[in-house]
């Protein structure tokens, strides 16, 4: 396996892991919010709504920083991104 293939695989796996983590965290907050609604915990419900809104951009920032490290000087290599996309799919 070439260095480019290893890098593409590492990036695709990182993206997948980050998306899986985002989904799990989103579901966790959503389940918690349901219980808070039933107990009329309005301020905590607002906190949950804000947490869900912030979750996606925070996860994107985290994965983007990780990919910058993995890709190094190759972060604008379109061929490498094509390989990442193929592996991710």
PDB file of N, CA and C in Angstrom:
ATOM      1  N   UNK A   1       0.849  -1.180   0.000  1.00  0.00           N
ATOM      2  CA  UNK A   1       0.000   0.000   0.000  1.00  0.00           C
ATOM      3  C   UNK A   1       0.891   1.238   0.000  1.00  0.00           C
ATOM      4  N   UNK A   2       0.588   2.159  -0.887  1.00  0.00           N
ATOM      5  CA  UNK A   2       1.391   3.376  -0.990  1.00  0.00           C
ATOM      6  C   UNK A   2       1.092   4.324   0.172  1.00  0.00           C
ATOM      7  N   UNK A   3       1.962   5.295   0.329  1.00  0.00           N
ATOM      8  CA  UNK A   3       1.752   6.305   1.373  1.00  0.00           C
ATOM      9  C   UNK A   3       0.460   7.064   1.113  1.00  0.00           C
ATOM     10  N   UNK A   4       0.192   7.383  -0.156  1.00  0.00           N
ATOM     11  CA  UNK A   4      -1.040   8.098  -0.503  1.00  0.00           C
ATOM     12  C   UNK A   4      -2.263   7.261  -0.149  1.00  0.00           C
ATOM     13  N   UNK A   5      -2.214   5.972  -0.423  1.00  0.00           N
ATOM     14  CA  UNK A   5      -3.342   5.087  -0.108  1.00  0.00           C
ATOM     15  C   UNK A   5      -3.537   4.977   1.399  1.00  0.00           C
ATOM     16  N   UNK A   6      -2.435   4.901   2.144  1.00  0.00           N
ATOM     17  CA  UNK A   6      -2.525   4.851   3.609  1.00  0.00           C
ATOM     18  C   UNK A   6      -3.109   6.144   4.150  1.00  0.00           C
ATOM     19  N   UNK A   7      -2.675   7.264   3.588  1.00  0.00           N
ATOM     20  CA  UNK A   7      -3.195   8.565   4.021  1.00  0.00           C
ATOM     21  C   UNK A   7      -4.682   8.678   3.717  1.00  0.00           C
ATOM     22  N   UNK A   8      -5.066   8.271   2.515  1.00  0.00           N
ATOM     23  CA  UNK A   8      -6.479   8.328   2.125  1.00  0.00           C
ATOM     24  C   UNK A   8      -7.323   7.448   3.042  1.00  0.00           C
ATOM     25  N   UNK A   9      -6.832   6.270   3.346  1.00  0.00           N
ATOM     26  CA  UNK A   9      -7.555   5.363   4.236  1.00  0.00           C
ATOM     27  C   UNK A   9      -7.676   5.961   5.635  1.00  0.00           C
ATOM     28  N   UNK A  10      -6.601   6.510   6.145  1.00  0.00           N
ATOM     29  CA  UNK A  10      -6.623   7.135   7.479  1.00  0.00           C
ATOM     30  C   UNK A  10      -7.623   8.285   7.526  1.00  0.00           C
ATOM     31  N   UNK A  11      -7.643   9.089   6.471  1.00  0.00           N
ATOM     32  CA  UNK A  11      -8.563  10.224   6.424  1.00  0.00           C
ATOM     33  C   UNK A  11     -10.011   9.755   6.353  1.00  0.00           C
ATOM     34  N   UNK A  12     -10.287   8.774   5.508  1.00  0.00           N
ATOM     35  CA  UNK A  12     -11.654   8.255   5.380  1.00  0.00           C
ATOM     36  C   UNK A  12     -12.127   7.659   6.696  1.00  0.00           C
ATOM     37  N   UNK A  13     -11.252   6.925   7.366  1.00  0.00           N
ATOM     38  CA  UNK A  13     -11.622   6.350   8.657  1.00  0.00           C
ATOM     39  C   UNK A  13     -11.864   7.425   9.702  1.00  0.00           C
ATOM     40  N   UNK A  14     -11.066   8.485   9.677  1.00  0.00           N
ATOM     41  CA  UNK A  14     -11.243   9.592  10.620  1.00  0.00           C
ATOM     42  C   UNK A  14     -12.570  10.299  10.376  1.00  0.00           C
ATOM     43  N   UNK A  15     -12.903  10.535   9.120  1.00  0.00           N
ATOM     44  CA  UNK A  15     -14.172  11.178   8.789  1.00  0.00           C
ATOM     45  C   UNK A  15     -15.338  10.306   9.261  1.00  0.00           C
ATOM     46  N   UNK A  16     -15.257   9.011   8.989  1.00  0.00           N
ATOM     47  CA  UNK A  16     -16.323   8.094   9.401  1.00  0.00           C
ATOM     48  C   UNK A  16     -16.467   8.060  10.920  1.00  0.00           C
ATOM     49  N   UNK A  17     -15.364   7.978  11.621  1.00  0.00           N
ATOM     50  CA  UNK A  17     -15.407   7.945  13.088  1.00  0.00           C
ATOM     51  C   UNK A  17     -15.993   9.239  13.645  1.00  0.00           C
ATOM     52  N   UNK A  18     -15.631  10.351  13.044  1.00  0.00           N
ATOM     53  CA  UNK A  18     -16.145  11.644  13.509  1.00  0.00           C
ATOM     54  C   UNK A  18     -17.646  11.753  13.283  1.00  0.00           C
ATOM     55  N   UNK A  19     -18.124  11.280  12.126  1.00  0.00           N
ATOM     56  CA  UNK A  19     -19.549  11.320  11.843  1.00  0.00           C
ATOM     57  C   UNK A  19     -20.321  10.413  12.789  1.00  0.00           C
ATOM     58  N   UNK A  20     -19.776   9.231  13.049  1.00  0.00           N
ATOM     59  CA  UNK A  20     -20.409   8.292  13.977  1.00  0.00           C
ATOM     60  C   UNK A  20     -20.493   8.904  15.373  1.00  0.00           C
ATOM     61  N   UNK A  21     -19.426   9.560  15.803  1.00  0.00           N
ATOM     62  CA  UNK A  21     -19.420  10.209  17.110  1.00  0.00           C
ATOM     63  C   UNK A  21     -20.445  11.339  17.160  1.00  0.00           C
ATOM     64  N   UNK A  22     -20.527  12.127  16.091  1.00  0.00           N
ATOM     65  CA  UNK A  22     -21.510  13.210  16.029  1.00  0.00           C
ATOM     66  C   UNK A  22     -22.925  12.654  16.190  1.00  0.00           C
ATOM     67  N   UNK A  23     -23.237  11.598  15.454  1.00  0.00           N
ATOM     68  CA  UNK A  23     -24.579  11.010  15.533  1.00  0.00           C
ATOM     69  C   UNK A  23     -24.882  10.503  16.945  1.00  0.00           C
ATOM     70  N   UNK A  24     -23.924   9.856  17.564  1.00  0.00           N
ATOM     71  CA  UNK A  24     -24.122   9.329  18.915  1.00  0.00           C
ATOM     72  C   UNK A  24     -24.350  10.459  19.912  1.00  0.00           C
ATOM     73  N   UNK A  25     -23.558  11.501  19.816  1.00  0.00           N
ATOM     74  CA  UNK A  25     -23.713  12.635  20.736  1.00  0.00           C
ATOM     75  C   UNK A  25     -25.042  13.350  20.510  1.00  0.00           C
ATOM     76  N   UNK A  26     -25.444  13.491  19.239  1.00  0.00           N
ATOM     77  CA  UNK A  26     -26.715  14.136  18.929  1.00  0.00           C
ATOM     78  C   UNK A  26     -27.870  13.333  19.523  1.00  0.00           C
ATOM     79  N   UNK A  27     -27.840  12.013  19.361  1.00  0.00           N
ATOM     80  CA  UNK A  27     -28.889  11.160  19.909  1.00  0.00           C
ATOM     81  C   UNK A  27     -28.907  11.207  21.434  1.00  0.00           C
ATOM     82  N   UNK A  28     -27.742  11.280  22.039  1.00  0.00           N
ATOM     83  CA  UNK A  28     -27.651  11.355  23.496  1.00  0.00           C
ATOM     84  C   UNK A  28     -28.346  12.619  24.003  1.00  0.00           C
ATOM     85  N   UNK A  29     -28.064  13.740  23.383  1.00  0.00           N
ATOM     86  CA  UNK A  29     -28.688  15.003  23.795  1.00  0.00           C
ATOM     87  C   UNK A  29     -30.190  14.949  23.529  1.00  0.00           C
ATOM     88  N   UNK A  30     -30.582  14.382  22.418  1.00  0.00           N
ATOM     89  CA  UNK A  30     -32.002  14.295  22.068  1.00  0.00           C
ATOM     90  C   UNK A  30     -32.770  13.441  23.076  1.00  0.00           C
ATOM     91  N   UNK A  31     -32.197  12.312  23.462  1.00  0.00           N
ATOM     92  CA  UNK A  31     -32.851  11.465  24.473  1.00  0.00           C
ATOM     93  C   UNK A  31     -32.977  12.203  25.804  1.00  0.00           C
ATOM     94  N   UNK A  32     -31.945  12.904  26.177  1.00  0.00           N
ATOM     95  CA  UNK A  32     -31.966  13.658  27.428  1.00  0.00           C
ATOM     96  C   UNK A  32     -33.027  14.753  27.370  1.00  0.00           C
ATOM     97  N   UNK A  33     -33.146  15.407  26.226  1.00  0.00           N
ATOM     98  CA  UNK A  33     -34.120  16.492  26.070  1.00  0.00           C
ATOM     99  C   UNK A  33     -35.547  15.977  26.222  1.00  0.00           C
ATOM    100  N   UNK A  34     -35.804  14.780  25.737  1.00  0.00           N
ATOM    101  CA  UNK A  34     -37.142  14.199  25.853  1.00  0.00           C
ATOM    102  C   UNK A  34     -37.552  14.064  27.321  1.00  0.00           C
ATOM    103  N   UNK A  35     -36.646  13.573  28.141  1.00  0.00           N
ATOM    104  CA  UNK A  35     -36.923  13.450  29.576  1.00  0.00           C
ATOM    105  C   UNK A  35     -37.119  14.796  30.237  1.00  0.00           C
ATOM    106  N   UNK A  36     -36.347  15.755  29.818  1.00  0.00           N
ATOM    107  CA  UNK A  36     -36.462  17.097  30.398  1.00  0.00           C
ATOM    108  C   UNK A  36     -37.791  17.743  30.024  1.00  0.00           C
ATOM    109  N   UNK A  37     -38.273  17.470  28.822  1.00  0.00           N
ATOM    110  CA  UNK A  37     -39.571  17.990  28.416  1.00  0.00           C
ATOM    111  C   UNK A  37     -40.662  17.433  29.330  1.00  0.00           C
ATOM    112  N   UNK A  38     -40.598  16.148  29.581  1.00  0.00           N
ATOM    113  CA  UNK A  38     -41.591  15.510  30.445  1.00  0.00           C
ATOM    114  C   UNK A  38     -41.588  16.052  31.863  1.00  0.00           C
ATOM    115  N   UNK A  39     -40.439  16.534  32.322  1.00  0.00           N
ATOM    116  CA  UNK A  39     -40.324  17.095  33.674  1.00  0.00           C
ATOM    117  C   UNK A  39     -40.409  18.624  33.675  1.00  0.00           C
ATOM    118  N   UNK A  40     -40.715  19.187  32.528  1.00  0.00           N
ATOM    119  CA  UNK A  40     -40.877  20.645  32.378  1.00  0.00           C
ATOM    120  C   UNK A  40     -39.628  21.409  32.827  1.00  0.00           C
ATOM    121  N   UNK A  41     -38.487  20.893  32.466  1.00  0.00           N
ATOM    122  CA  UNK A  41     -37.209  21.550  32.797  1.00  0.00           C
ATOM    123  C   UNK A  41     -36.831  22.454  31.627  1.00  0.00           C
ATOM    124  N   UNK A  42     -37.487  23.598  31.557  1.00  0.00           N
ATOM    125  CA  UNK A  42     -37.407  24.463  30.378  1.00  0.00           C
ATOM    126  C   UNK A  42     -36.001  24.993  30.130  1.00  0.00           C
ATOM    127  N   UNK A  43     -35.315  25.455  31.148  1.00  0.00           N
ATOM    128  CA  UNK A  43     -33.968  26.014  30.912  1.00  0.00           C
ATOM    129  C   UNK A  43     -32.986  24.930  30.459  1.00  0.00           C
ATOM    130  N   UNK A  44     -33.137  23.719  30.991  1.00  0.00           N
ATOM    131  CA  UNK A  44     -32.279  22.624  30.554  1.00  0.00           C
ATOM    132  C   UNK A  44     -32.608  22.227  29.110  1.00  0.00           C
ATOM    133  N   UNK A  45     -33.895  22.331  28.741  1.00  0.00           N
ATOM    134  CA  UNK A  45     -34.283  22.046  27.356  1.00  0.00           C
ATOM    135  C   UNK A  45     -33.632  23.044  26.407  1.00  0.00           C
ATOM    136  N   UNK A  46     -33.588  24.305  26.811  1.00  0.00           N
ATOM    137  CA  UNK A  46     -32.923  25.318  25.991  1.00  0.00           C
ATOM    138  C   UNK A  46     -31.437  25.004  25.855  1.00  0.00           C
ATOM    139  N   UNK A  47     -30.833  24.575  26.935  1.00  0.00           N
ATOM    140  CA  UNK A  47     -29.417  24.196  26.892  1.00  0.00           C
ATOM    141  C   UNK A  47     -29.195  23.034  25.933  1.00  0.00           C
ATOM    142  N   UNK A  48     -30.101  22.067  25.951  1.00  0.00           N
ATOM    143  CA  UNK A  48     -29.995  20.934  25.035  1.00  0.00           C
ATOM    144  C   UNK A  48     -30.116  21.392  23.579  1.00  0.00           C
ATOM    145  N   UNK A  49     -31.047  22.303  23.321  1.00  0.00           N
ATOM    146  CA  UNK A  49     -31.225  22.806  21.957  1.00  0.00           C
ATOM    147  C   UNK A  49     -29.963  23.523  21.487  1.00  0.00           C
ATOM    148  N   UNK A  50     -29.376  24.333  22.337  1.00  0.00           N
ATOM    149  CA  UNK A  50     -28.132  25.031  21.977  1.00  0.00           C
ATOM    150  C   UNK A  50     -26.989  24.049  21.774  1.00  0.00           C
ATOM    151  N   UNK A  51     -26.931  23.033  22.613  1.00  0.00           N
ATOM    152  CA  UNK A  51     -25.874  22.028  22.475  1.00  0.00           C
ATOM    153  C   UNK A  51     -25.984  21.303  21.128  1.00  0.00           C
ATOM    154  N   UNK A  52     -27.225  20.968  20.733  1.00  0.00           N
ATOM    155  CA  UNK A  52     -27.418  20.305  19.430  1.00  0.00           C
ATOM    156  C   UNK A  52     -27.007  21.230  18.289  1.00  0.00           C
ATOM    157  N   UNK A  53     -27.338  22.516  18.402  1.00  0.00           N
ATOM    158  CA  UNK A  53     -26.975  23.463  17.346  1.00  0.00           C
ATOM    159  C   UNK A  53     -25.459  23.637  17.235  1.00  0.00           C
ATOM    160  N   UNK A  54     -24.771  23.618  18.357  1.00  0.00           N
ATOM    161  CA  UNK A  54     -23.315  23.797  18.360  1.00  0.00           C
ATOM    162  C   UNK A  54     -22.565  22.522  18.012  1.00  0.00           C
ATOM    163  N   UNK A  55     -23.215  21.404  18.153  1.00  0.00           N
ATOM    164  CA  UNK A  55     -22.541  20.111  17.997  1.00  0.00           C
ATOM    165  C   UNK A  55     -21.950  19.917  16.601  1.00  0.00           C
ATOM    166  N   UNK A  56     -22.722  20.204  15.563  1.00  0.00           N
ATOM    167  CA  UNK A  56     -22.262  19.963  14.194  1.00  0.00           C
ATOM    168  C   UNK A  56     -21.035  20.801  13.838  1.00  0.00           C
ATOM    169  N   UNK A  57     -21.087  22.124  14.020  1.00  0.00           N
ATOM    170  CA  UNK A  57     -19.880  22.894  13.686  1.00  0.00           C
ATOM    171  C   UNK A  57     -18.675  22.526  14.547  1.00  0.00           C
ATOM    172  N   UNK A  58     -18.910  22.166  15.792  1.00  0.00           N
ATOM    173  CA  UNK A  58     -17.791  21.754  16.646  1.00  0.00           C
ATOM    174  C   UNK A  58     -17.164  20.459  16.144  1.00  0.00           C
ATOM    175  N   UNK A  59     -18.001  19.522  15.735  1.00  0.00           N
ATOM    176  CA  UNK A  59     -17.483  18.255  15.196  1.00  0.00           C
ATOM    177  C   UNK A  59     -16.746  18.496  13.882  1.00  0.00           C
ATOM    178  N   UNK A  60     -17.285  19.371  13.040  1.00  0.00           N
ATOM    179  CA  UNK A  60     -16.604  19.690  11.777  1.00  0.00           C
ATOM    180  C   UNK A  60     -15.236  20.312  12.022  1.00  0.00           C
ATOM    181  N   UNK A  61     -15.169  21.243  12.970  1.00  0.00           N
ATOM    182  CA  UNK A  61     -13.880  21.873  13.282  1.00  0.00           C
ATOM    183  C   UNK A  61     -12.870  20.839  13.757  1.00  0.00           C
ATOM    184  N   UNK A  62     -13.318  19.928  14.597  1.00  0.00           N
ATOM    185  CA  UNK A  62     -12.422  18.904  15.135  1.00  0.00           C
ATOM    186  C   UNK A  62     -11.886  17.996  14.029  1.00  0.00           C
ATOM    187  N   UNK A  63     -12.775  17.528  13.147  1.00  0.00           N
ATOM    188  CA  UNK A  63     -12.325  16.629  12.080  1.00  0.00           C
ATOM    189  C   UNK A  63     -11.469  17.392  11.071  1.00  0.00           C
ATOM    190  N   UNK A  64     -11.783  18.651  10.816  1.00  0.00           N
ATOM    191  CA  UNK A  64     -10.974  19.442   9.876  1.00  0.00           C
ATOM    192  C   UNK A  64      -9.546  19.607  10.392  1.00  0.00           C
ATOM    193  N   UNK A  65      -9.394  19.866  11.679  1.00  0.00           N
ATOM    194  CA  UNK A  65      -8.046  19.992  12.261  1.00  0.00           C
ATOM    195  C   UNK A  65      -7.298  18.665  12.175  1.00  0.00           C
ATOM    196  N   UNK A  66      -8.002  17.568  12.446  1.00  0.00           N
ATOM    197  CA  UNK A  66      -7.362  16.249  12.370  1.00  0.00           C
ATOM    198  C   UNK A  66      -6.933  15.937  10.941  1.00  0.00           C
ATOM    199  N   UNK A  67      -7.771  16.286   9.964  1.00  0.00           N
ATOM    200  CA  UNK A  67      -7.426  16.030   8.563  1.00  0.00           C
ATOM    201  C   UNK A  67      -6.246  16.885   8.116  1.00  0.00           C
ATOM    202  N   UNK A  68      -6.172  18.110   8.601  1.00  0.00           N
ATOM    203  CA  UNK A  68      -5.019  18.962   8.266  1.00  0.00           C
ATOM    204  C   UNK A  68      -3.721  18.308   8.708  1.00  0.00           C
ATOM    205  N   UNK A  69      -3.743  17.704   9.880  1.00  0.00           N
ATOM    206  CA  UNK A  69      -2.556  17.023  10.390  1.00  0.00           C
ATOM    207  C   UNK A  69      -2.243  15.797   9.527  1.00  0.00           C
ATOM    208  N   UNK A  70      -3.262  14.996   9.235  1.00  0.00           N
ATOM    209  CA  UNK A  70      -3.055  13.791   8.435  1.00  0.00           C
ATOM    210  C   UNK A  70      -2.580  14.106   7.013  1.00  0.00           C
ATOM    211  N   UNK A  71      -3.132  15.161   6.427  1.00  0.00           N
ATOM    212  CA  UNK A  71      -2.818  15.481   5.032  1.00  0.00           C
ATOM    213  C   UNK A  71      -1.551  16.309   4.871  1.00  0.00           C
ATOM    214  N   UNK A  72      -1.226  17.106   5.867  1.00  0.00           N
ATOM    215  CA  UNK A  72      -0.035  17.946   5.773  1.00  0.00           C
ATOM    216  C   UNK A  72      -0.072  18.835   4.545  1.00  0.00           C
ATOM    217  N   UNK A  73       0.996  18.797   3.765  1.00  0.00           N
ATOM    218  CA  UNK A  73       1.104  19.640   2.566  1.00  0.00           C
ATOM    219  C   UNK A  73       0.211  19.164   1.422  1.00  0.00           C
ATOM    220  N   UNK A  74      -0.460  18.050   1.589  1.00  0.00           N
ATOM    221  CA  UNK A  74      -1.284  17.475   0.519  1.00  0.00           C
ATOM    222  C   UNK A  74      -2.774  17.770   0.693  1.00  0.00           C
ATOM    223  N   UNK A  75      -3.105  18.730   1.543  1.00  0.00           N
ATOM    224  CA  UNK A  75      -4.528  18.976   1.835  1.00  0.00           C
ATOM    225  C   UNK A  75      -5.314  19.521   0.651  1.00  0.00           C
ATOM    226  N   UNK A  76      -4.637  20.010  -0.381  1.00  0.00           N
ATOM    227  CA  UNK A  76      -5.334  20.504  -1.575  1.00  0.00           C
ATOM    228  C   UNK A  76      -5.143  19.575  -2.782  1.00  0.00           C
ATOM    229  N   UNK A  77      -4.686  18.371  -2.530  1.00  0.00           N
ATOM    230  CA  UNK A  77      -4.460  17.382  -3.584  1.00  0.00           C
ATOM    231  C   UNK A  77      -5.799  16.754  -3.983  1.00  0.00           C
ATOM    232  N   UNK A  78      -6.311  17.157  -5.151  1.00  0.00           N
ATOM    233  CA  UNK A  78      -7.627  16.699  -5.591  1.00  0.00           C
ATOM    234  C   UNK A  78      -7.675  15.195  -5.825  1.00  0.00           C
ATOM    235  N   UNK A  79      -6.598  14.639  -6.308  1.00  0.00           N
ATOM    236  CA  UNK A  79      -6.559  13.182  -6.529  1.00  0.00           C
ATOM    237  C   UNK A  79      -6.659  12.439  -5.200  1.00  0.00           C
ATOM    238  N   UNK A  80      -5.949  12.922  -4.210  1.00  0.00           N
ATOM    239  CA  UNK A  80      -5.996  12.301  -2.891  1.00  0.00           C
ATOM    240  C   UNK A  80      -7.403  12.412  -2.297  1.00  0.00           C
ATOM    241  N   UNK A  81      -8.034  13.559  -2.468  1.00  0.00           N
ATOM    242  CA  UNK A  81      -9.414  13.727  -1.969  1.00  0.00           C
ATOM    243  C   UNK A  81     -10.351  12.782  -2.705  1.00  0.00           C
ATOM    244  N   UNK A  82     -10.110  12.550  -3.968  1.00  0.00           N
ATOM    245  CA  UNK A  82     -10.914  11.581  -4.716  1.00  0.00           C
ATOM    246  C   UNK A  82     -10.776  10.186  -4.132  1.00  0.00           C
ATOM    247  N   UNK A  83      -9.542   9.825  -3.755  1.00  0.00           N
ATOM    248  CA  UNK A  83      -9.306   8.522  -3.124  1.00  0.00           C
ATOM    249  C   UNK A  83      -9.997   8.435  -1.766  1.00  0.00           C
ATOM    250  N   UNK A  84      -9.936   9.521  -1.009  1.00  0.00           N
ATOM    251  CA  UNK A  84     -10.593   9.553   0.293  1.00  0.00           C
ATOM    252  C   UNK A  84     -12.094   9.332   0.113  1.00  0.00           C
ATOM    253  N   UNK A  85     -12.671  10.024  -0.848  1.00  0.00           N
ATOM    254  CA  UNK A  85     -14.107   9.907  -1.123  1.00  0.00           C
ATOM    255  C   UNK A  85     -14.482   8.460  -1.508  1.00  0.00           C
ATOM    256  N   UNK A  86     -13.662   7.858  -2.365  1.00  0.00           N
ATOM    257  CA  UNK A  86     -13.927   6.485  -2.800  1.00  0.00           C
ATOM    258  C   UNK A  86     -13.861   5.526  -1.616  1.00  0.00           C
ATOM    259  N   UNK A  87     -12.857   5.664  -0.796  1.00  0.00           N
ATOM    260  CA  UNK A  87     -12.698   4.784   0.377  1.00  0.00           C
ATOM    261  C   UNK A  87     -13.844   5.007   1.365  1.00  0.00           C
ATOM    262  N   UNK A  88     -14.196   6.251   1.589  1.00  0.00           N
ATOM    263  CA  UNK A  88     -15.283   6.560   2.531  1.00  0.00           C
ATOM    264  C   UNK A  88     -16.597   5.945   2.056  1.00  0.00           C
ATOM    265  N   UNK A  89     -16.833   6.061   0.761  1.00  0.00           N
ATOM    266  CA  UNK A  89     -18.090   5.525   0.198  1.00  0.00           C
ATOM    267  C   UNK A  89     -18.132   4.018   0.351  1.00  0.00           C
TER     268      UNK A  89
END
